[in-house]
Amino acid sequence: MAQDGESTAREPGQGTQVIDRAIFLLRSIAGNGGSARLTDLARAADLATPTARRILKRLVDHGMVGQDPETQRYHLGTLAYELGLAASHRVDVAARLKPLMRRLAELSGDTAYLVMRQDFEVVCIDRVEGNYPIKTLTLKVGDRYPLGITAGSLALLGALPKAEADAIVEANRAAISERGHLTVEQLREDLEKTRQRGFALRRDAITDGSIGIGLAVPNGSLPPYAAISLAMVLERLTDTRREQLLAMMRSELNSAIAAEPSRG
């Protein structure tokens, strides 16, 4: 039997719409200092107050949200905290690898990037500029791109099992052509070269006249979820310098990983 006035028959897409609304309400609570009134949450989400209350009630039931009995304000619940702890090893990767990023930029003079996988995309979570006067600022922190378009994301894609990588490329077909200035067929060729080389090389991916070198960050026995890259103007990357940069990147990355405490 339906609860809270909800129909048991759902239109296609209705379930995902409810999830979207719930996530928006959670973000709104977190962005409001961790506590918010029902009316403010409903207004921010462009929802009728009863609808917002119904969604929040389910979030409260599951521990994602709590409600102060005196003020009636909503706050993030214990389950949200537990999930945050479980994800912290990924969330803090930018802080953990900050010394590495600074070192890469210092030693190369180029721009160092750190990206993290999120489903079929990557998000840039850090950027450190080197001292070379011509900057290659293809990404800013927070930018998202389909896996395979940037040097770092191509390195991540190349580190995945072939069947999984091929499925991701196919799922991203439209986005690759729209945002990557390349075709799916070209990406598949680049992906195969990446597997053979053990590193990614991406030219003119987002900015014309630029080139990037990417390496996936090892994640023990699990697939990697982060990658580092160096981006520069095309003229700076001779064959000799490419090999020098790769040796430096691998050495610094291995040293950074070895210096981390065990996460067993």
C-alpha atoms as a PDB file:
ATOM      1  CA  MET A   1       0.000   0.000   0.000  1.00  0.00           C
ATOM      2  CA  ALA A   2       1.299   3.479  -0.857  1.00  0.00           C
ATOM      3  CA  GLN A   3       2.722   5.591   1.967  1.00  0.00           C
ATOM      4  CA  ASP A   4       2.667   9.394   2.445  1.00  0.00           C
ATOM      5  CA  GLY A   5       0.317   9.944  -0.444  1.00  0.00           C
ATOM      6  CA  GLU A   6       2.670   8.346  -2.995  1.00  0.00           C
ATOM      7  CA  SER A   7       1.252   6.233  -5.794  1.00  0.00           C
ATOM      8  CA  THR A   8       2.533   2.697  -6.214  1.00  0.00           C
ATOM      9  CA  ALA A   9       2.650   3.195  -9.999  1.00  0.00           C
ATOM     10  CA  ARG A  10       5.629   5.261 -11.059  1.00  0.00           C
ATOM     11  CA  GLU A  11       6.226   6.976 -14.334  1.00  0.00           C
ATOM     12  CA  PRO A  12       9.550   6.219 -16.078  1.00  0.00           C
ATOM     13  CA  GLY A  13      12.240   8.415 -14.592  1.00  0.00           C
ATOM     14  CA  GLN A  14      10.240   9.258 -11.464  1.00  0.00           C
ATOM     15  CA  GLY A  15      12.509   7.215  -9.221  1.00  0.00           C
ATOM     16  CA  THR A  16      15.656   8.927 -10.465  1.00  0.00           C
ATOM     17  CA  GLN A  17      13.984  12.313 -10.085  1.00  0.00           C
ATOM     18  CA  VAL A  18      13.337  11.576  -6.418  1.00  0.00           C
ATOM     19  CA  ILE A  19      16.997  10.595  -5.995  1.00  0.00           C
ATOM     20  CA  ASP A  20      18.090  13.844  -7.655  1.00  0.00           C
ATOM     21  CA  ARG A  21      15.878  15.827  -5.303  1.00  0.00           C
ATOM     22  CA  ALA A  22      17.146  13.967  -2.256  1.00  0.00           C
ATOM     23  CA  ILE A  23      20.777  14.598  -3.234  1.00  0.00           C
ATOM     24  CA  PHE A  24      20.017  18.287  -3.794  1.00  0.00           C
ATOM     25  CA  LEU A  25      18.461  18.536  -0.322  1.00  0.00           C
ATOM     26  CA  LEU A  26      21.514  16.863   1.224  1.00  0.00           C
ATOM     27  CA  ARG A  27      23.832  19.273  -0.579  1.00  0.00           C
ATOM     28  CA  SER A  28      21.687  22.197   0.551  1.00  0.00           C
ATOM     29  CA  ILE A  29      21.901  21.137   4.189  1.00  0.00           C
ATOM     30  CA  ALA A  30      25.672  20.726   3.954  1.00  0.00           C
ATOM     31  CA  GLY A  31      26.067  24.057   2.167  1.00  0.00           C
ATOM     32  CA  ASN A  32      24.007  25.903   4.756  1.00  0.00           C
ATOM     33  CA  GLY A  33      26.414  25.317   7.607  1.00  0.00           C
ATOM     34  CA  GLY A  34      25.090  21.825   8.247  1.00  0.00           C
ATOM     35  CA  SER A  35      21.641  22.931   9.423  1.00  0.00           C
ATOM     36  CA  ALA A  36      18.619  24.291   7.545  1.00  0.00           C
ATOM     37  CA  ARG A  37      14.905  24.993   7.861  1.00  0.00           C
ATOM     38  CA  LEU A  38      12.312  23.081   5.871  1.00  0.00           C
ATOM     39  CA  THR A  39      11.035  26.212   4.127  1.00  0.00           C
ATOM     40  CA  ASP A  40      14.533  27.218   3.028  1.00  0.00           C
ATOM     41  CA  LEU A  41      15.291  23.730   1.728  1.00  0.00           C
ATOM     42  CA  ALA A  42      12.026  23.536  -0.191  1.00  0.00           C
ATOM     43  CA  ARG A  43      12.618  26.960  -1.739  1.00  0.00           C
ATOM     44  CA  ALA A  44      16.192  26.111  -2.737  1.00  0.00           C
ATOM     45  CA  ALA A  45      15.071  22.854  -4.370  1.00  0.00           C
ATOM     46  CA  ASP A  46      12.037  24.490  -5.996  1.00  0.00           C
ATOM     47  CA  LEU A  47       9.776  21.955  -4.305  1.00  0.00           C
ATOM     48  CA  ALA A  48       6.408  22.248  -2.609  1.00  0.00           C
ATOM     49  CA  THR A  49       6.907  22.137   1.156  1.00  0.00           C
ATOM     50  CA  PRO A  50       4.978  18.851   1.589  1.00  0.00           C
ATOM     51  CA  THR A  51       7.123  17.209  -1.095  1.00  0.00           C
ATOM     52  CA  ALA A  52      10.344  18.382   0.534  1.00  0.00           C
ATOM     53  CA  ARG A  53       9.073  17.204   3.937  1.00  0.00           C
ATOM     54  CA  ARG A  54       8.220  13.767   2.536  1.00  0.00           C
ATOM     55  CA  ILE A  55      11.691  13.308   1.011  1.00  0.00           C
ATOM     56  CA  LEU A  56      13.405  14.555   4.161  1.00  0.00           C
ATOM     57  CA  LYS A  57      11.340  12.160   6.274  1.00  0.00           C
ATOM     58  CA  ARG A  58      12.657   9.206   4.263  1.00  0.00           C
ATOM     59  CA  LEU A  59      16.210  10.545   4.610  1.00  0.00           C
ATOM     60  CA  VAL A  60      15.673  10.818   8.364  1.00  0.00           C
ATOM     61  CA  ASP A  61      14.333   7.235   8.472  1.00  0.00           C
ATOM     62  CA  HIS A  62      17.540   6.013   6.839  1.00  0.00           C
ATOM     63  CA  GLY A  63      19.872   8.088   9.015  1.00  0.00           C
ATOM     64  CA  MET A  64      21.084  10.338   6.196  1.00  0.00           C
ATOM     65  CA  VAL A  65      19.417  13.358   7.834  1.00  0.00           C
ATOM     66  CA  GLY A  66      18.514  14.224  11.405  1.00  0.00           C
ATOM     67  CA  GLN A  67      16.034  16.764  12.793  1.00  0.00           C
ATOM     68  CA  ASP A  68      16.438  18.844  15.910  1.00  0.00           C
ATOM     69  CA  PRO A  69      13.313  18.261  18.066  1.00  0.00           C
ATOM     70  CA  GLU A  70      13.360  21.821  19.426  1.00  0.00           C
ATOM     71  CA  THR A  71      14.214  23.956  16.388  1.00  0.00           C
ATOM     72  CA  GLN A  72      12.879  21.480  13.785  1.00  0.00           C
ATOM     73  CA  ARG A  73      15.929  22.276  11.655  1.00  0.00           C
ATOM     74  CA  TYR A  74      17.428  19.496   9.551  1.00  0.00           C
ATOM     75  CA  HIS A  75      21.070  18.446   9.760  1.00  0.00           C
ATOM     76  CA  LEU A  76      23.184  15.686   8.215  1.00  0.00           C
ATOM     77  CA  GLY A  77      22.694  12.346   9.937  1.00  0.00           C
ATOM     78  CA  THR A  78      24.987   9.658  11.264  1.00  0.00           C
ATOM     79  CA  LEU A  79      24.805   7.569   8.088  1.00  0.00           C
ATOM     80  CA  ALA A  80      26.070  10.517   6.041  1.00  0.00           C
ATOM     81  CA  TYR A  81      29.029  10.709   8.424  1.00  0.00           C
ATOM     82  CA  GLU A  82      29.686   6.976   8.137  1.00  0.00           C
ATOM     83  CA  LEU A  83      29.606   7.116   4.342  1.00  0.00           C
ATOM     84  CA  GLY A  84      31.963  10.075   4.418  1.00  0.00           C
ATOM     85  CA  LEU A  85      34.447   8.105   6.497  1.00  0.00           C
ATOM     86  CA  ALA A  86      34.243   5.174   4.097  1.00  0.00           C
ATOM     87  CA  ALA A  87      34.989   7.477   1.147  1.00  0.00           C
ATOM     88  CA  SER A  88      37.671   9.519   2.888  1.00  0.00           C
ATOM     89  CA  HIS A  89      40.552   7.541   1.377  1.00  0.00           C
ATOM     90  CA  ARG A  90      39.451   8.907  -1.992  1.00  0.00           C
ATOM     91  CA  VAL A  91      38.343  12.340  -0.927  1.00  0.00           C
ATOM     92  CA  ASP A  92      41.663  13.161   0.728  1.00  0.00           C
ATOM     93  CA  VAL A  93      43.759  12.096  -2.261  1.00  0.00           C
ATOM     94  CA  ALA A  94      44.357  15.734  -3.243  1.00  0.00           C
ATOM     95  CA  ALA A  95      45.771  16.529   0.198  1.00  0.00           C
ATOM     96  CA  ARG A  96      47.845  13.340   0.301  1.00  0.00           C
ATOM     97  CA  LEU A  97      49.388  13.951  -3.120  1.00  0.00           C
ATOM     98  CA  LYS A  98      49.862  17.716  -2.794  1.00  0.00           C
ATOM     99  CA  PRO A  99      53.613  17.412  -2.084  1.00  0.00           C
ATOM    100  CA  LEU A 100      53.951  15.197  -5.164  1.00  0.00           C
ATOM    101  CA  MET A 101      52.086  17.707  -7.311  1.00  0.00           C
ATOM    102  CA  ARG A 102      54.309  20.559  -6.162  1.00  0.00           C
ATOM    103  CA  ARG A 103      57.383  18.446  -6.818  1.00  0.00           C
ATOM    104  CA  LEU A 104      56.270  17.575 -10.365  1.00  0.00           C
ATOM    105  CA  ALA A 105      55.608  21.209 -11.226  1.00  0.00           C
ATOM    106  CA  GLU A 106      58.895  22.322  -9.661  1.00  0.00           C
ATOM    107  CA  LEU A 107      61.043  19.735 -11.410  1.00  0.00           C
ATOM    108  CA  SER A 108      59.387  20.049 -14.824  1.00  0.00           C
ATOM    109  CA  GLY A 109      58.463  23.731 -14.902  1.00  0.00           C
ATOM    110  CA  ASP A 110      55.159  22.644 -16.452  1.00  0.00           C
ATOM    111  CA  THR A 111      51.612  22.409 -15.123  1.00  0.00           C
ATOM    112  CA  ALA A 112      50.808  19.349 -13.016  1.00  0.00           C
ATOM    113  CA  TYR A 113      47.271  17.998 -12.842  1.00  0.00           C
ATOM    114  CA  LEU A 114      45.578  15.499 -10.568  1.00  0.00           C
ATOM    115  CA  VAL A 115      42.285  13.959 -11.670  1.00  0.00           C
ATOM    116  CA  MET A 116      39.982  11.487  -9.942  1.00  0.00           C
ATOM    117  CA  ARG A 117      37.539   9.114 -11.560  1.00  0.00           C
ATOM    118  CA  GLN A 118      33.820   9.557 -10.953  1.00  0.00           C
ATOM    119  CA  ASP A 119      31.822   6.953 -12.866  1.00  0.00           C
ATOM    120  CA  PHE A 120      32.480   7.527 -16.593  1.00  0.00           C
ATOM    121  CA  GLU A 121      34.140  10.899 -16.042  1.00  0.00           C
ATOM    122  CA  VAL A 122      37.101  12.423 -14.263  1.00  0.00           C
ATOM    123  CA  VAL A 123      37.117  15.568 -12.172  1.00  0.00           C
ATOM    124  CA  CYS A 124      40.202  17.744 -11.775  1.00  0.00           C
ATOM    125  CA  ILE A 125      40.970  17.926  -8.052  1.00  0.00           C
ATOM    126  CA  ASP A 126      44.310  19.741  -8.117  1.00  0.00           C
ATOM    127  CA  ARG A 127      46.463  21.868 -10.406  1.00  0.00           C
ATOM    128  CA  VAL A 128      49.942  23.225  -9.701  1.00  0.00           C
ATOM    129  CA  GLU A 129      51.668  25.561 -12.137  1.00  0.00           C
ATOM    130  CA  GLY A 130      55.375  25.355 -12.894  1.00  0.00           C
ATOM    131  CA  ASN A 131      57.676  28.301 -13.570  1.00  0.00           C
ATOM    132  CA  TYR A 132      57.798  28.025 -17.359  1.00  0.00           C
ATOM    133  CA  PRO A 133      56.481  31.370 -18.698  1.00  0.00           C
ATOM    134  CA  ILE A 134      54.043  29.839 -21.215  1.00  0.00           C
ATOM    135  CA  LYS A 135      51.363  28.127 -19.142  1.00  0.00           C
ATOM    136  CA  THR A 136      49.205  25.252 -20.353  1.00  0.00           C
ATOM    137  CA  LEU A 137      46.072  25.651 -18.257  1.00  0.00           C
ATOM    138  CA  THR A 138      43.769  23.168 -19.952  1.00  0.00           C
ATOM    139  CA  LEU A 139      41.835  22.343 -16.777  1.00  0.00           C
ATOM    140  CA  LYS A 140      40.837  24.134 -13.627  1.00  0.00           C
ATOM    141  CA  VAL A 141      39.948  22.449 -10.366  1.00  0.00           C
ATOM    142  CA  GLY A 142      36.384  21.177 -10.567  1.00  0.00           C
ATOM    143  CA  ASP A 143      36.335  20.653 -14.336  1.00  0.00           C
ATOM    144  CA  ARG A 144      34.829  17.369 -15.513  1.00  0.00           C
ATOM    145  CA  TYR A 145      35.563  15.490 -18.702  1.00  0.00           C
ATOM    146  CA  PRO A 146      34.713  12.039 -20.062  1.00  0.00           C
ATOM    147  CA  LEU A 147      37.297   9.363 -19.384  1.00  0.00           C
ATOM    148  CA  GLY A 148      39.916   9.275 -22.124  1.00  0.00           C
ATOM    149  CA  ILE A 149      39.905  12.899 -23.248  1.00  0.00           C
ATOM    150  CA  THR A 150      42.691  14.323 -21.092  1.00  0.00           C
ATOM    151  CA  ALA A 151      46.101  12.735 -20.537  1.00  0.00           C
ATOM    152  CA  GLY A 152      45.323  11.741 -16.952  1.00  0.00           C
ATOM    153  CA  SER A 153      41.908  10.327 -17.810  1.00  0.00           C
ATOM    154  CA  LEU A 154      43.375   8.385 -20.744  1.00  0.00           C
ATOM    155  CA  ALA A 155      45.918   6.859 -18.362  1.00  0.00           C
ATOM    156  CA  LEU A 156      43.079   5.806 -16.052  1.00  0.00           C
ATOM    157  CA  LEU A 157      41.104   4.324 -18.912  1.00  0.00           C
ATOM    158  CA  GLY A 158      44.141   2.400 -20.090  1.00  0.00           C
ATOM    159  CA  ALA A 159      44.608   0.877 -16.640  1.00  0.00           C
ATOM    160  CA  LEU A 160      41.111  -0.639 -16.616  1.00  0.00           C
ATOM    161  CA  PRO A 161      40.243  -4.118 -17.910  1.00  0.00           C
ATOM    162  CA  LYS A 162      39.713  -3.937 -21.671  1.00  0.00           C
ATOM    163  CA  ALA A 163      36.033  -4.893 -21.588  1.00  0.00           C
ATOM    164  CA  GLU A 164      35.258  -2.253 -18.971  1.00  0.00           C
ATOM    165  CA  ALA A 165      37.217   0.434 -20.812  1.00  0.00           C
ATOM    166  CA  ASP A 166      35.512  -0.404 -24.118  1.00  0.00           C
ATOM    167  CA  ALA A 167      32.085  -0.166 -22.486  1.00  0.00           C
ATOM    168  CA  ILE A 168      32.934   3.238 -21.018  1.00  0.00           C
ATOM    169  CA  VAL A 169      34.129   4.540 -24.388  1.00  0.00           C
ATOM    170  CA  GLU A 170      30.897   3.385 -26.024  1.00  0.00           C
ATOM    171  CA  ALA A 171      28.764   4.936 -23.282  1.00  0.00           C
ATOM    172  CA  ASN A 172      30.659   8.227 -23.688  1.00  0.00           C
ATOM    173  CA  ARG A 173      30.445   8.227 -27.489  1.00  0.00           C
ATOM    174  CA  ALA A 174      28.447  11.460 -27.818  1.00  0.00           C
ATOM    175  CA  ALA A 175      30.398  13.293 -25.099  1.00  0.00           C
ATOM    176  CA  ILE A 176      33.754  12.297 -26.596  1.00  0.00           C
ATOM    177  CA  SER A 177      32.929  13.827 -29.972  1.00  0.00           C
ATOM    178  CA  GLU A 178      31.392  16.920 -28.400  1.00  0.00           C
ATOM    179  CA  ARG A 179      34.053  17.740 -25.817  1.00  0.00           C
ATOM    180  CA  GLY A 180      37.229  15.997 -26.895  1.00  0.00           C
ATOM    181  CA  HIS A 181      37.893  17.126 -30.474  1.00  0.00           C
ATOM    182  CA  LEU A 182      38.343  13.481 -31.457  1.00  0.00           C
ATOM    183  CA  THR A 183      36.298  10.510 -32.615  1.00  0.00           C
ATOM    184  CA  VAL A 184      35.582   7.316 -30.728  1.00  0.00           C
ATOM    185  CA  GLU A 185      37.730   5.445 -33.252  1.00  0.00           C
ATOM    186  CA  GLN A 186      40.664   7.782 -32.561  1.00  0.00           C
ATOM    187  CA  LEU A 187      40.203   7.317 -28.834  1.00  0.00           C
ATOM    188  CA  ARG A 188      40.229   3.541 -29.214  1.00  0.00           C
ATOM    189  CA  GLU A 189      43.544   3.782 -31.088  1.00  0.00           C
ATOM    190  CA  ASP A 190      44.982   6.063 -28.404  1.00  0.00           C
ATOM    191  CA  LEU A 191      43.753   3.667 -25.731  1.00  0.00           C
ATOM    192  CA  GLU A 192      45.558   0.742 -27.312  1.00  0.00           C
ATOM    193  CA  LYS A 193      48.781   2.769 -27.565  1.00  0.00           C
ATOM    194  CA  THR A 194      48.398   3.739 -23.904  1.00  0.00           C
ATOM    195  CA  ARG A 195      48.160   0.081 -22.878  1.00  0.00           C
ATOM    196  CA  GLN A 196      51.254  -0.765 -24.894  1.00  0.00           C
ATOM    197  CA  ARG A 197      53.317   2.184 -23.636  1.00  0.00           C
ATOM    198  CA  GLY A 198      52.253   2.104 -20.011  1.00  0.00           C
ATOM    199  CA  PHE A 199      51.531   5.850 -20.047  1.00  0.00           C
ATOM    200  CA  ALA A 200      49.172   8.234 -21.815  1.00  0.00           C
ATOM    201  CA  LEU A 201      50.100  10.855 -24.361  1.00  0.00           C
ATOM    202  CA  ARG A 202      47.381  13.315 -25.336  1.00  0.00           C
ATOM    203  CA  ARG A 203      47.854  16.087 -27.909  1.00  0.00           C
ATOM    204  CA  ASP A 204      45.469  19.004 -28.541  1.00  0.00           C
ATOM    205  CA  ALA A 205      42.859  17.376 -26.300  1.00  0.00           C
ATOM    206  CA  ILE A 206      41.260  20.584 -25.060  1.00  0.00           C
ATOM    207  CA  THR A 207      43.725  23.328 -25.999  1.00  0.00           C
ATOM    208  CA  ASP A 208      45.328  23.465 -29.441  1.00  0.00           C
ATOM    209  CA  GLY A 209      49.122  23.374 -29.417  1.00  0.00           C
ATOM    210  CA  SER A 210      49.306  21.564 -26.079  1.00  0.00           C
ATOM    211  CA  ILE A 211      50.362  18.072 -25.083  1.00  0.00           C
ATOM    212  CA  GLY A 212      50.105  16.081 -21.886  1.00  0.00           C
ATOM    213  CA  ILE A 213      51.681  12.990 -20.338  1.00  0.00           C
ATOM    214  CA  GLY A 214      49.606  10.964 -17.895  1.00  0.00           C
ATOM    215  CA  LEU A 215      50.205   8.160 -15.399  1.00  0.00           C
ATOM    216  CA  ALA A 216      47.612   6.319 -13.323  1.00  0.00           C
ATOM    217  CA  VAL A 217      48.220   6.339  -9.566  1.00  0.00           C
ATOM    218  CA  PRO A 218      48.577   2.707  -8.387  1.00  0.00           C
ATOM    219  CA  ASN A 219      45.874   1.517  -5.994  1.00  0.00           C
ATOM    220  CA  GLY A 220      47.239  -1.769  -4.716  1.00  0.00           C
ATOM    221  CA  SER A 221      45.373  -4.732  -6.186  1.00  0.00           C
ATOM    222  CA  LEU A 222      42.380  -2.560  -7.112  1.00  0.00           C
ATOM    223  CA  PRO A 223      41.855  -0.505 -10.263  1.00  0.00           C
ATOM    224  CA  PRO A 224      43.306   3.016  -9.953  1.00  0.00           C
ATOM    225  CA  TYR A 225      40.915   5.911  -9.393  1.00  0.00           C
ATOM    226  CA  ALA A 226      43.356   8.834  -9.725  1.00  0.00           C
ATOM    227  CA  ALA A 227      45.979   9.944 -12.226  1.00  0.00           C
ATOM    228  CA  ILE A 228      48.702  12.566 -12.510  1.00  0.00           C
ATOM    229  CA  SER A 229      49.724  14.396 -15.657  1.00  0.00           C
ATOM    230  CA  LEU A 230      52.001  17.144 -16.905  1.00  0.00           C
ATOM    231  CA  ALA A 231      50.791  19.540 -19.608  1.00  0.00           C
ATOM    232  CA  MET A 232      52.937  21.835 -21.722  1.00  0.00           C
ATOM    233  CA  VAL A 233      53.146  23.546 -25.086  1.00  0.00           C
ATOM    234  CA  LEU A 234      53.832  21.063 -27.838  1.00  0.00           C
ATOM    235  CA  GLU A 235      57.302  22.392 -28.687  1.00  0.00           C
ATOM    236  CA  ARG A 236      58.615  21.552 -25.215  1.00  0.00           C
ATOM    237  CA  LEU A 237      58.087  17.817 -25.533  1.00  0.00           C
ATOM    238  CA  THR A 238      60.910  16.373 -27.591  1.00  0.00           C
ATOM    239  CA  ASP A 239      61.398  12.599 -27.540  1.00  0.00           C
ATOM    240  CA  THR A 240      64.348  12.985 -25.188  1.00  0.00           C
ATOM    241  CA  ARG A 241      62.487  15.235 -22.783  1.00  0.00           C
ATOM    242  CA  ARG A 242      59.458  12.928 -22.825  1.00  0.00           C
ATOM    243  CA  GLU A 243      61.584  10.047 -21.567  1.00  0.00           C
ATOM    244  CA  GLN A 244      63.181  12.285 -18.938  1.00  0.00           C
ATOM    245  CA  LEU A 245      59.800  13.497 -17.691  1.00  0.00           C
ATOM    246  CA  LEU A 246      58.388   9.978 -17.577  1.00  0.00           C
ATOM    247  CA  ALA A 247      61.336   8.735 -15.541  1.00  0.00           C
ATOM    248  CA  MET A 248      60.970  11.662 -13.149  1.00  0.00           C
ATOM    249  CA  MET A 249      57.168  11.246 -12.829  1.00  0.00           C
ATOM    250  CA  ARG A 250      57.444   7.522 -12.129  1.00  0.00           C
ATOM    251  CA  SER A 251      60.213   8.012  -9.593  1.00  0.00           C
ATOM    252  CA  GLU A 252      58.390  10.775  -7.727  1.00  0.00           C
ATOM    253  CA  LEU A 253      55.099   8.881  -7.802  1.00  0.00           C
ATOM    254  CA  ASN A 254      56.686   5.726  -6.431  1.00  0.00           C
ATOM    255  CA  SER A 255      58.406   7.721  -3.683  1.00  0.00           C
ATOM    256  CA  ALA A 256      55.133   9.409  -2.729  1.00  0.00           C
ATOM    257  CA  ILE A 257      53.300   6.083  -2.527  1.00  0.00           C
ATOM    258  CA  ALA A 258      56.095   4.451  -0.541  1.00  0.00           C
ATOM    259  CA  ALA A 259      56.011   7.319   1.975  1.00  0.00           C
ATOM    260  CA  GLU A 260      52.299   6.858   2.689  1.00  0.00           C
ATOM    261  CA  PRO A 261      51.252   4.945   5.807  1.00  0.00           C
ATOM    262  CA  SER A 262      49.723   1.530   5.248  1.00  0.00           C
ATOM    263  CA  ARG A 263      45.957   1.643   4.674  1.00  0.00           C
ATOM    264  CA  GLY A 264      45.261  -1.947   5.470  1.00  0.00           C
END
